[in-house]
Amino acid sequence: MKLGIILNTSEPEAAWNAFRLGMAALREGNGASVFLLGKGVECEASKDWNFNVQAELTSFKENGGRLLACGTCLHLRKQKTRVCAVSSMDELLALVSESDKVVSFG
């Protein structure tokens, strides 16, 4: 199965859970992609002691997860990414089209 996850919030617990779901999919041998959209592009800078988004994000990427961030959303927020591929709505559409299941957080 190919799982597509759209993260549209920077809220630490939601972002943390999105990446945990992605990791669960990878552990089961599934493909998983996360697309950061809107405020989701801010999750890379999250500094919450209870929900370590950065650790989950890094683990997701290191274990073969595909990580994309909306270039327009990054630009509007004057954000830069260190770990995500800068992407577009066309690539989000492709992710949705190629995924067997799509879930959204936020």
PDB file of N, CA and C in Angstrom:
ATOM      1  N   MET A   1       0.839  -1.171   0.000  1.00  0.00           N
ATOM      2  CA  MET A   1       0.000   0.000   0.000  1.00  0.00           C
ATOM      3  C   MET A   1       0.888   1.240   0.000  1.00  0.00           C
ATOM      4  N   LYS A   2       0.421   2.286  -0.653  1.00  0.00           N
ATOM      5  CA  LYS A   2       1.086   3.587  -0.622  1.00  0.00           C
ATOM      6  C   LYS A   2       0.203   4.547   0.164  1.00  0.00           C
ATOM      7  N   LEU A   3       0.762   5.083   1.253  1.00  0.00           N
ATOM      8  CA  LEU A   3       0.034   6.008   2.114  1.00  0.00           C
ATOM      9  C   LEU A   3       0.504   7.427   1.851  1.00  0.00           C
ATOM     10  N   GLY A   4      -0.441   8.313   1.585  1.00  0.00           N
ATOM     11  CA  GLY A   4      -0.148   9.732   1.452  1.00  0.00           C
ATOM     12  C   GLY A   4      -0.671  10.467   2.671  1.00  0.00           C
ATOM     13  N   ILE A   5       0.183  11.295   3.273  1.00  0.00           N
ATOM     14  CA  ILE A   5      -0.200  12.062   4.457  1.00  0.00           C
ATOM     15  C   ILE A   5      -0.016  13.542   4.131  1.00  0.00           C
ATOM     16  N   ILE A   6      -1.076  14.303   4.318  1.00  0.00           N
ATOM     17  CA  ILE A   6      -1.005  15.751   4.130  1.00  0.00           C
ATOM     18  C   ILE A   6      -1.030  16.387   5.514  1.00  0.00           C
ATOM     19  N   LEU A   7       0.023  17.126   5.825  1.00  0.00           N
ATOM     20  CA  LEU A   7       0.133  17.792   7.125  1.00  0.00           C
ATOM     21  C   LEU A   7      -0.058  19.284   6.912  1.00  0.00           C
ATOM     22  N   ASN A   8      -1.185  19.808   7.405  1.00  0.00           N
ATOM     23  CA  ASN A   8      -1.569  21.199   7.180  1.00  0.00           C
ATOM     24  C   ASN A   8      -1.658  21.977   8.498  1.00  0.00           C
ATOM     25  N   THR A   9      -0.815  21.603   9.457  1.00  0.00           N
ATOM     26  CA  THR A   9      -0.779  22.287  10.745  1.00  0.00           C
ATOM     27  C   THR A   9       0.632  22.207  11.315  1.00  0.00           C
ATOM     28  N   SER A  10       0.975  23.187  12.121  1.00  0.00           N
ATOM     29  CA  SER A  10       2.263  23.149  12.817  1.00  0.00           C
ATOM     30  C   SER A  10       2.074  22.739  14.276  1.00  0.00           C
ATOM     31  N   GLU A  11       0.833  22.400  14.643  1.00  0.00           N
ATOM     32  CA  GLU A  11       0.539  21.991  16.018  1.00  0.00           C
ATOM     33  C   GLU A  11       1.374  20.742  16.336  1.00  0.00           C
ATOM     34  N   PRO A  12       2.242  20.802  17.345  1.00  0.00           N
ATOM     35  CA  PRO A  12       3.202  19.733  17.589  1.00  0.00           C
ATOM     36  C   PRO A  12       2.614  18.333  17.736  1.00  0.00           C
ATOM     37  N   GLU A  13       1.537  18.175  18.489  1.00  0.00           N
ATOM     38  CA  GLU A  13       1.002  16.823  18.684  1.00  0.00           C
ATOM     39  C   GLU A  13       0.471  16.240  17.381  1.00  0.00           C
ATOM     40  N   ALA A  14      -0.199  17.039  16.576  1.00  0.00           N
ATOM     41  CA  ALA A  14      -0.721  16.554  15.291  1.00  0.00           C
ATOM     42  C   ALA A  14       0.420  16.197  14.344  1.00  0.00           C
ATOM     43  N   ALA A  15       1.442  17.048  14.277  1.00  0.00           N
ATOM     44  CA  ALA A  15       2.593  16.770  13.407  1.00  0.00           C
ATOM     45  C   ALA A  15       3.312  15.506  13.864  1.00  0.00           C
ATOM     46  N   TRP A  16       3.517  15.373  15.145  1.00  0.00           N
ATOM     47  CA  TRP A  16       4.172  14.198  15.723  1.00  0.00           C
ATOM     48  C   TRP A  16       3.412  12.931  15.359  1.00  0.00           C
ATOM     49  N   ASN A  17       2.080  12.976  15.501  1.00  0.00           N
ATOM     50  CA  ASN A  17       1.262  11.811  15.167  1.00  0.00           C
ATOM     51  C   ASN A  17       1.268  11.513  13.662  1.00  0.00           C
ATOM     52  N   ALA A  18       1.320  12.530  12.838  1.00  0.00           N
ATOM     53  CA  ALA A  18       1.391  12.302  11.390  1.00  0.00           C
ATOM     54  C   ALA A  18       2.650  11.522  11.035  1.00  0.00           C
ATOM     55  N   PHE A  19       3.776  11.915  11.593  1.00  0.00           N
ATOM     56  CA  PHE A  19       5.028  11.204  11.306  1.00  0.00           C
ATOM     57  C   PHE A  19       5.065   9.830  11.956  1.00  0.00           C
ATOM     58  N   ARG A  20       4.433   9.678  13.105  1.00  0.00           N
ATOM     59  CA  ARG A  20       4.339   8.344  13.726  1.00  0.00           C
ATOM     60  C   ARG A  20       3.528   7.403  12.843  1.00  0.00           C
ATOM     61  N   LEU A  21       2.441   7.903  12.249  1.00  0.00           N
ATOM     62  CA  LEU A  21       1.656   7.088  11.326  1.00  0.00           C
ATOM     63  C   LEU A  21       2.488   6.713  10.115  1.00  0.00           C
ATOM     64  N   GLY A  22       3.226   7.666   9.592  1.00  0.00           N
ATOM     65  CA  GLY A  22       4.114   7.373   8.466  1.00  0.00           C
ATOM     66  C   GLY A  22       5.132   6.298   8.816  1.00  0.00           C
ATOM     67  N   MET A  23       5.706   6.373  10.013  1.00  0.00           N
ATOM     68  CA  MET A  23       6.674   5.362  10.450  1.00  0.00           C
ATOM     69  C   MET A  23       6.016   3.989  10.606  1.00  0.00           C
ATOM     70  N   ALA A  24       4.801   3.951  11.124  1.00  0.00           N
ATOM     71  CA  ALA A  24       4.088   2.676  11.259  1.00  0.00           C
ATOM     72  C   ALA A  24       3.891   2.047   9.874  1.00  0.00           C
ATOM     73  N   ALA A  25       3.545   2.869   8.890  1.00  0.00           N
ATOM     74  CA  ALA A  25       3.369   2.353   7.519  1.00  0.00           C
ATOM     75  C   ALA A  25       4.684   1.791   6.991  1.00  0.00           C
ATOM     76  N   LEU A  26       5.774   2.517   7.190  1.00  0.00           N
ATOM     77  CA  LEU A  26       7.081   2.055   6.709  1.00  0.00           C
ATOM     78  C   LEU A  26       7.500   0.754   7.379  1.00  0.00           C
ATOM     79  N   ARG A  27       7.267   0.655   8.702  1.00  0.00           N
ATOM     80  CA  ARG A  27       7.627  -0.574   9.425  1.00  0.00           C
ATOM     81  C   ARG A  27       6.885  -1.785   8.884  1.00  0.00           C
ATOM     82  N   GLU A  28       5.681  -1.580   8.381  1.00  0.00           N
ATOM     83  CA  GLU A  28       4.879  -2.674   7.828  1.00  0.00           C
ATOM     84  C   GLU A  28       5.209  -2.958   6.356  1.00  0.00           C
ATOM     85  N   GLY A  29       6.207  -2.264   5.824  1.00  0.00           N
ATOM     86  CA  GLY A  29       6.630  -2.500   4.446  1.00  0.00           C
ATOM     87  C   GLY A  29       5.856  -1.709   3.409  1.00  0.00           C
ATOM     88  N   ASN A  30       5.101  -0.726   3.854  1.00  0.00           N
ATOM     89  CA  ASN A  30       4.339   0.115   2.932  1.00  0.00           C
ATOM     90  C   ASN A  30       5.158   1.334   2.539  1.00  0.00           C
ATOM     91  N   GLY A  31       4.751   1.971   1.453  1.00  0.00           N
ATOM     92  CA  GLY A  31       5.333   3.252   1.083  1.00  0.00           C
ATOM     93  C   GLY A  31       4.591   4.349   1.815  1.00  0.00           C
ATOM     94  N   ALA A  32       5.285   5.442   2.129  1.00  0.00           N
ATOM     95  CA  ALA A  32       4.635   6.564   2.804  1.00  0.00           C
ATOM     96  C   ALA A  32       5.269   7.873   2.356  1.00  0.00           C
ATOM     97  N   SER A  33       4.407   8.835   2.086  1.00  0.00           N
ATOM     98  CA  SER A  33       4.840  10.182   1.721  1.00  0.00           C
ATOM     99  C   SER A  33       4.114  11.179   2.602  1.00  0.00           C
ATOM    100  N   VAL A  34       4.839  12.227   3.022  1.00  0.00           N
ATOM    101  CA  VAL A  34       4.235  13.318   3.776  1.00  0.00           C
ATOM    102  C   VAL A  34       4.432  14.593   2.978  1.00  0.00           C
ATOM    103  N   PHE A  35       3.327  15.323   2.773  1.00  0.00           N
ATOM    104  CA  PHE A  35       3.373  16.613   2.093  1.00  0.00           C
ATOM    105  C   PHE A  35       3.030  17.683   3.112  1.00  0.00           C
ATOM    106  N   LEU A  36       3.969  18.603   3.349  1.00  0.00           N
ATOM    107  CA  LEU A  36       3.755  19.707   4.278  1.00  0.00           C
ATOM    108  C   LEU A  36       3.106  20.852   3.513  1.00  0.00           C
ATOM    109  N   LEU A  37       1.946  21.269   3.988  1.00  0.00           N
ATOM    110  CA  LEU A  37       1.144  22.271   3.309  1.00  0.00           C
ATOM    111  C   LEU A  37       0.724  23.337   4.317  1.00  0.00           C
ATOM    112  N   GLY A  38       0.596  24.587   3.883  1.00  0.00           N
ATOM    113  CA  GLY A  38       0.173  25.653   4.789  1.00  0.00           C
ATOM    114  C   GLY A  38       1.094  25.725   5.992  1.00  0.00           C
ATOM    115  N   LYS A  39       0.505  25.809   7.189  1.00  0.00           N
ATOM    116  CA  LYS A  39       1.295  25.898   8.422  1.00  0.00           C
ATOM    117  C   LYS A  39       2.133  24.646   8.669  1.00  0.00           C
ATOM    118  N   GLY A  40       1.835  23.569   7.957  1.00  0.00           N
ATOM    119  CA  GLY A  40       2.613  22.343   8.106  1.00  0.00           C
ATOM    120  C   GLY A  40       4.086  22.530   7.790  1.00  0.00           C
ATOM    121  N   VAL A  41       4.407  23.500   6.923  1.00  0.00           N
ATOM    122  CA  VAL A  41       5.816  23.720   6.592  1.00  0.00           C
ATOM    123  C   VAL A  41       6.605  24.233   7.794  1.00  0.00           C
ATOM    124  N   GLU A  42       5.910  24.704   8.829  1.00  0.00           N
ATOM    125  CA  GLU A  42       6.573  25.211  10.024  1.00  0.00           C
ATOM    126  C   GLU A  42       6.947  24.099  11.010  1.00  0.00           C
ATOM    127  N   CYS A  43       6.500  22.877  10.771  1.00  0.00           N
ATOM    128  CA  CYS A  43       6.716  21.803  11.761  1.00  0.00           C
ATOM    129  C   CYS A  43       8.186  21.439  11.927  1.00  0.00           C
ATOM    130  N   GLU A  44       8.980  21.675  10.913  1.00  0.00           N
ATOM    131  CA  GLU A  44      10.402  21.352  11.008  1.00  0.00           C
ATOM    132  C   GLU A  44      11.084  22.148  12.131  1.00  0.00           C
ATOM    133  N   ALA A  45      10.546  23.316  12.460  1.00  0.00           N
ATOM    134  CA  ALA A  45      11.122  24.175  13.500  1.00  0.00           C
ATOM    135  C   ALA A  45      10.478  23.953  14.865  1.00  0.00           C
ATOM    136  N   SER A  46       9.602  22.961  14.987  1.00  0.00           N
ATOM    137  CA  SER A  46       8.890  22.710  16.236  1.00  0.00           C
ATOM    138  C   SER A  46       9.855  22.376  17.369  1.00  0.00           C
ATOM    139  N   LYS A  47       9.613  22.982  18.512  1.00  0.00           N
ATOM    140  CA  LYS A  47      10.440  22.726  19.688  1.00  0.00           C
ATOM    141  C   LYS A  47       9.531  22.455  20.880  1.00  0.00           C
ATOM    142  N   ASP A  48       8.873  21.335  20.856  1.00  0.00           N
ATOM    143  CA  ASP A  48       7.963  20.965  21.934  1.00  0.00           C
ATOM    144  C   ASP A  48       8.568  19.787  22.688  1.00  0.00           C
ATOM    145  N   TRP A  49       8.661  19.897  24.007  1.00  0.00           N
ATOM    146  CA  TRP A  49       9.309  18.854  24.813  1.00  0.00           C
ATOM    147  C   TRP A  49       8.489  17.575  24.877  1.00  0.00           C
ATOM    148  N   ASN A  50       7.176  17.682  24.793  1.00  0.00           N
ATOM    149  CA  ASN A  50       6.326  16.499  24.880  1.00  0.00           C
ATOM    150  C   ASN A  50       6.210  15.752  23.558  1.00  0.00           C
ATOM    151  N   PHE A  51       6.295  16.473  22.446  1.00  0.00           N
ATOM    152  CA  PHE A  51       6.102  15.873  21.119  1.00  0.00           C
ATOM    153  C   PHE A  51       7.294  16.246  20.246  1.00  0.00           C
ATOM    154  N   ASN A  52       8.272  15.341  20.176  1.00  0.00           N
ATOM    155  CA  ASN A  52       9.515  15.615  19.458  1.00  0.00           C
ATOM    156  C   ASN A  52       9.309  15.400  17.956  1.00  0.00           C
ATOM    157  N   VAL A  53       8.757  16.418  17.312  1.00  0.00           N
ATOM    158  CA  VAL A  53       8.456  16.361  15.882  1.00  0.00           C
ATOM    159  C   VAL A  53       9.730  16.155  15.076  1.00  0.00           C
ATOM    160  N   GLN A  54      10.790  16.836  15.439  1.00  0.00           N
ATOM    161  CA  GLN A  54      12.034  16.730  14.676  1.00  0.00           C
ATOM    162  C   GLN A  54      12.576  15.308  14.669  1.00  0.00           C
ATOM    163  N   ALA A  55      12.509  14.624  15.797  1.00  0.00           N
ATOM    164  CA  ALA A  55      12.996  13.243  15.860  1.00  0.00           C
ATOM    165  C   ALA A  55      12.146  12.327  14.981  1.00  0.00           C
ATOM    166  N   GLU A  56      10.828  12.483  15.034  1.00  0.00           N
ATOM    167  CA  GLU A  56       9.944  11.644  14.205  1.00  0.00           C
ATOM    168  C   GLU A  56      10.143  11.950  12.728  1.00  0.00           C
ATOM    169  N   LEU A  57      10.271  13.218  12.383  1.00  0.00           N
ATOM    170  CA  LEU A  57      10.486  13.628  10.995  1.00  0.00           C
ATOM    171  C   LEU A  57      11.786  13.028  10.466  1.00  0.00           C
ATOM    172  N   THR A  58      12.849  13.140  11.248  1.00  0.00           N
ATOM    173  CA  THR A  58      14.153  12.602  10.845  1.00  0.00           C
ATOM    174  C   THR A  58      14.089  11.090  10.691  1.00  0.00           C
ATOM    175  N   SER A  59      13.475  10.418  11.629  1.00  0.00           N
ATOM    176  CA  SER A  59      13.336   8.965  11.560  1.00  0.00           C
ATOM    177  C   SER A  59      12.537   8.552  10.326  1.00  0.00           C
ATOM    178  N   PHE A  60      11.453   9.273  10.046  1.00  0.00           N
ATOM    179  CA  PHE A  60      10.631   8.994   8.867  1.00  0.00           C
ATOM    180  C   PHE A  60      11.478   9.092   7.599  1.00  0.00           C
ATOM    181  N   LYS A  61      12.225  10.159   7.466  1.00  0.00           N
ATOM    182  CA  LYS A  61      13.059  10.375   6.276  1.00  0.00           C
ATOM    183  C   LYS A  61      14.162   9.315   6.190  1.00  0.00           C
ATOM    184  N   GLU A  62      14.836   9.035   7.290  1.00  0.00           N
ATOM    185  CA  GLU A  62      15.941   8.062   7.299  1.00  0.00           C
ATOM    186  C   GLU A  62      15.473   6.647   6.995  1.00  0.00           C
ATOM    187  N   ASN A  63      14.205   6.349   7.245  1.00  0.00           N
ATOM    188  CA  ASN A  63      13.665   5.012   6.996  1.00  0.00           C
ATOM    189  C   ASN A  63      12.959   4.893   5.651  1.00  0.00           C
ATOM    190  N   GLY A  64      13.197   5.843   4.773  1.00  0.00           N
ATOM    191  CA  GLY A  64      12.680   5.737   3.414  1.00  0.00           C
ATOM    192  C   GLY A  64      11.402   6.493   3.130  1.00  0.00           C
ATOM    193  N   GLY A  65      10.923   7.275   4.078  1.00  0.00           N
ATOM    194  CA  GLY A  65       9.733   8.072   3.833  1.00  0.00           C
ATOM    195  C   GLY A  65      10.037   9.223   2.885  1.00  0.00           C
ATOM    196  N   ARG A  66       9.074   9.545   2.070  1.00  0.00           N
ATOM    197  CA  ARG A  66       9.206  10.664   1.122  1.00  0.00           C
ATOM    198  C   ARG A  66       8.618  11.906   1.780  1.00  0.00           C
ATOM    199  N   LEU A  67       9.375  12.990   1.776  1.00  0.00           N
ATOM    200  CA  LEU A  67       8.989  14.206   2.473  1.00  0.00           C
ATOM    201  C   LEU A  67       9.043  15.385   1.517  1.00  0.00           C
ATOM    202  N   LEU A  68       7.884  16.017   1.331  1.00  0.00           N
ATOM    203  CA  LEU A  68       7.751  17.146   0.408  1.00  0.00           C
ATOM    204  C   LEU A  68       7.170  18.341   1.149  1.00  0.00           C
ATOM    205  N   ALA A  69       7.560  19.553   0.744  1.00  0.00           N
ATOM    206  CA  ALA A  69       7.029  20.775   1.344  1.00  0.00           C
ATOM    207  C   ALA A  69       6.613  21.732   0.239  1.00  0.00           C
ATOM    208  N   CYS A  70       5.468  22.355   0.407  1.00  0.00           N
ATOM    209  CA  CYS A  70       4.949  23.309  -0.567  1.00  0.00           C
ATOM    210  C   CYS A  70       5.874  24.523  -0.656  1.00  0.00           C
ATOM    211  N   GLY A  71       6.424  24.757  -1.829  1.00  0.00           N
ATOM    212  CA  GLY A  71       7.334  25.881  -2.027  1.00  0.00           C
ATOM    213  C   GLY A  71       6.656  27.223  -1.809  1.00  0.00           C
ATOM    214  N   THR A  72       5.422  27.368  -2.250  1.00  0.00           N
ATOM    215  CA  THR A  72       4.683  28.616  -2.065  1.00  0.00           C
ATOM    216  C   THR A  72       4.454  28.877  -0.577  1.00  0.00           C
ATOM    217  N   CYS A  73       4.075  27.840   0.156  1.00  0.00           N
ATOM    218  CA  CYS A  73       3.825  27.978   1.595  1.00  0.00           C
ATOM    219  C   CYS A  73       5.115  28.352   2.331  1.00  0.00           C
ATOM    220  N   LEU A  74       6.227  27.756   1.927  1.00  0.00           N
ATOM    221  CA  LEU A  74       7.522  28.115   2.511  1.00  0.00           C
ATOM    222  C   LEU A  74       7.833  29.585   2.240  1.00  0.00           C
ATOM    223  N   HIS A  75       7.658  30.002   0.991  1.00  0.00           N
ATOM    224  CA  HIS A  75       7.959  31.377   0.590  1.00  0.00           C
ATOM    225  C   HIS A  75       7.101  32.383   1.358  1.00  0.00           C
ATOM    226  N   LEU A  76       5.794  32.121   1.468  1.00  0.00           N
ATOM    227  CA  LEU A  76       4.901  33.031   2.167  1.00  0.00           C
ATOM    228  C   LEU A  76       5.278  33.210   3.633  1.00  0.00           C
ATOM    229  N   ARG A  77       5.847  32.173   4.229  1.00  0.00           N
ATOM    230  CA  ARG A  77       6.221  32.206   5.647  1.00  0.00           C
ATOM    231  C   ARG A  77       7.698  32.527   5.851  1.00  0.00           C
ATOM    232  N   LYS A  78       8.392  32.809   4.747  1.00  0.00           N
ATOM    233  CA  LYS A  78       9.830  33.100   4.797  1.00  0.00           C
ATOM    234  C   LYS A  78      10.591  31.979   5.514  1.00  0.00           C
ATOM    235  N   GLN A  79      10.189  30.739   5.201  1.00  0.00           N
ATOM    236  CA  GLN A  79      10.793  29.550   5.798  1.00  0.00           C
ATOM    237  C   GLN A  79      11.725  28.887   4.779  1.00  0.00           C
ATOM    238  N   LYS A  80      12.715  28.194   5.292  1.00  0.00           N
ATOM    239  CA  LYS A  80      13.569  27.347   4.466  1.00  0.00           C
ATOM    240  C   LYS A  80      13.508  25.958   5.064  1.00  0.00           C
ATOM    241  N   THR A  81      13.711  24.970   4.226  1.00  0.00           N
ATOM    242  CA  THR A  81      13.685  23.598   4.713  1.00  0.00           C
ATOM    243  C   THR A  81      15.084  23.002   4.633  1.00  0.00           C
ATOM    244  N   ARG A  82      15.412  22.185   5.619  1.00  0.00           N
ATOM    245  CA  ARG A  82      16.699  21.500   5.622  1.00  0.00           C
ATOM    246  C   ARG A  82      16.554  20.044   5.193  1.00  0.00           C
ATOM    247  N   VAL A  83      15.341  19.507   5.288  1.00  0.00           N
ATOM    248  CA  VAL A  83      15.191  18.071   5.041  1.00  0.00           C
ATOM    249  C   VAL A  83      14.160  17.714   3.971  1.00  0.00           C
ATOM    250  N   CYS A  84      13.307  18.639   3.589  1.00  0.00           N
ATOM    251  CA  CYS A  84      12.228  18.343   2.642  1.00  0.00           C
ATOM    252  C   CYS A  84      12.607  18.749   1.225  1.00  0.00           C
ATOM    253  N   ALA A  85      12.065  18.026   0.270  1.00  0.00           N
ATOM    254  CA  ALA A  85      12.143  18.471  -1.117  1.00  0.00           C
ATOM    255  C   ALA A  85      11.108  19.575  -1.293  1.00  0.00           C
ATOM    256  N   VAL A  86      11.509  20.697  -1.893  1.00  0.00           N
ATOM    257  CA  VAL A  86      10.568  21.784  -2.154  1.00  0.00           C
ATOM    258  C   VAL A  86       9.689  21.347  -3.314  1.00  0.00           C
ATOM    259  N   SER A  87       8.388  21.497  -3.131  1.00  0.00           N
ATOM    260  CA  SER A  87       7.427  20.890  -4.039  1.00  0.00           C
ATOM    261  C   SER A  87       6.367  21.895  -4.481  1.00  0.00           C
ATOM    262  N   SER A  88       5.335  21.368  -5.154  1.00  0.00           N
ATOM    263  CA  SER A  88       4.291  22.224  -5.729  1.00  0.00           C
ATOM    264  C   SER A  88       2.937  21.514  -5.658  1.00  0.00           C
ATOM    265  N   MET A  89       1.901  22.235  -6.042  1.00  0.00           N
ATOM    266  CA  MET A  89       0.561  21.644  -6.092  1.00  0.00           C
ATOM    267  C   MET A  89       0.501  20.508  -7.118  1.00  0.00           C
ATOM    268  N   ASP A  90       1.251  20.617  -8.193  1.00  0.00           N
ATOM    269  CA  ASP A  90       1.280  19.524  -9.176  1.00  0.00           C
ATOM    270  C   ASP A  90       1.811  18.245  -8.542  1.00  0.00           C
ATOM    271  N   GLU A  91       2.839  18.382  -7.699  1.00  0.00           N
ATOM    272  CA  GLU A  91       3.386  17.203  -7.026  1.00  0.00           C
ATOM    273  C   GLU A  91       2.448  16.689  -5.936  1.00  0.00           C
ATOM    274  N   LEU A  92       1.706  17.590  -5.290  1.00  0.00           N
ATOM    275  CA  LEU A  92       0.696  17.145  -4.325  1.00  0.00           C
ATOM    276  C   LEU A  92      -0.388  16.358  -5.052  1.00  0.00           C
ATOM    277  N   LEU A  93      -0.812  16.840  -6.205  1.00  0.00           N
ATOM    278  CA  LEU A  93      -1.807  16.109  -6.990  1.00  0.00           C
ATOM    279  C   LEU A  93      -1.281  14.728  -7.371  1.00  0.00           C
ATOM    280  N   ALA A  94      -0.020  14.648  -7.781  1.00  0.00           N
ATOM    281  CA  ALA A  94       0.580  13.353  -8.133  1.00  0.00           C
ATOM    282  C   ALA A  94       0.616  12.431  -6.917  1.00  0.00           C
ATOM    283  N   LEU A  95       0.963  12.974  -5.750  1.00  0.00           N
ATOM    284  CA  LEU A  95       0.989  12.171  -4.526  1.00  0.00           C
ATOM    285  C   LEU A  95      -0.396  11.602  -4.233  1.00  0.00           C
ATOM    286  N   VAL A  96      -1.421  12.446  -4.342  1.00  0.00           N
ATOM    287  CA  VAL A  96      -2.798  11.993  -4.088  1.00  0.00           C
ATOM    288  C   VAL A  96      -3.189  10.926  -5.110  1.00  0.00           C
ATOM    289  N   SER A  97      -2.837  11.143  -6.358  1.00  0.00           N
ATOM    290  CA  SER A  97      -3.208  10.210  -7.430  1.00  0.00           C
ATOM    291  C   SER A  97      -2.537   8.847  -7.279  1.00  0.00           C
ATOM    292  N   GLU A  98      -1.288   8.845  -6.844  1.00  0.00           N
ATOM    293  CA  GLU A  98      -0.545   7.584  -6.766  1.00  0.00           C
ATOM    294  C   GLU A  98      -0.747   6.844  -5.440  1.00  0.00           C
ATOM    295  N   SER A  99      -1.304   7.511  -4.451  1.00  0.00           N
ATOM    296  CA  SER A  99      -1.512   6.888  -3.141  1.00  0.00           C
ATOM    297  C   SER A  99      -2.754   6.006  -3.140  1.00  0.00           C
ATOM    298  N   ASP A 100      -2.661   4.903  -2.416  1.00  0.00           N
ATOM    299  CA  ASP A 100      -3.838   4.046  -2.227  1.00  0.00           C
ATOM    300  C   ASP A 100      -4.774   4.643  -1.180  1.00  0.00           C
ATOM    301  N   LYS A 101      -4.200   5.288  -0.186  1.00  0.00           N
ATOM    302  CA  LYS A 101      -4.958   5.960   0.877  1.00  0.00           C
ATOM    303  C   LYS A 101      -4.308   7.297   1.143  1.00  0.00           C
ATOM    304  N   VAL A 102      -5.128   8.311   1.427  1.00  0.00           N
ATOM    305  CA  VAL A 102      -4.632   9.643   1.781  1.00  0.00           C
ATOM    306  C   VAL A 102      -5.322  10.084   3.066  1.00  0.00           C
ATOM    307  N   VAL A 103      -4.528  10.548   4.024  1.00  0.00           N
ATOM    308  CA  VAL A 103      -5.076  11.101   5.251  1.00  0.00           C
ATOM    309  C   VAL A 103      -4.519  12.505   5.430  1.00  0.00           C
ATOM    310  N   SER A 104      -5.284  13.334   6.112  1.00  0.00           N
ATOM    311  CA  SER A 104      -4.882  14.706   6.330  1.00  0.00           C
ATOM    312  C   SER A 104      -4.902  15.023   7.819  1.00  0.00           C
ATOM    313  N   PHE A 105      -3.871  15.712   8.270  1.00  0.00           N
ATOM    314  CA  PHE A 105      -3.784  16.187   9.645  1.00  0.00           C
ATOM    315  C   PHE A 105      -3.839  17.702   9.589  1.00  0.00           C
ATOM    316  N   GLY A 106      -4.791  18.294  10.306  1.00  0.00           N
ATOM    317  CA  GLY A 106      -4.909  19.740  10.353  1.00  0.00           C
ATOM    318  C   GLY A 106      -5.964  20.170   9.445  1.00  0.00           C
TER     319      GLY A 106
END
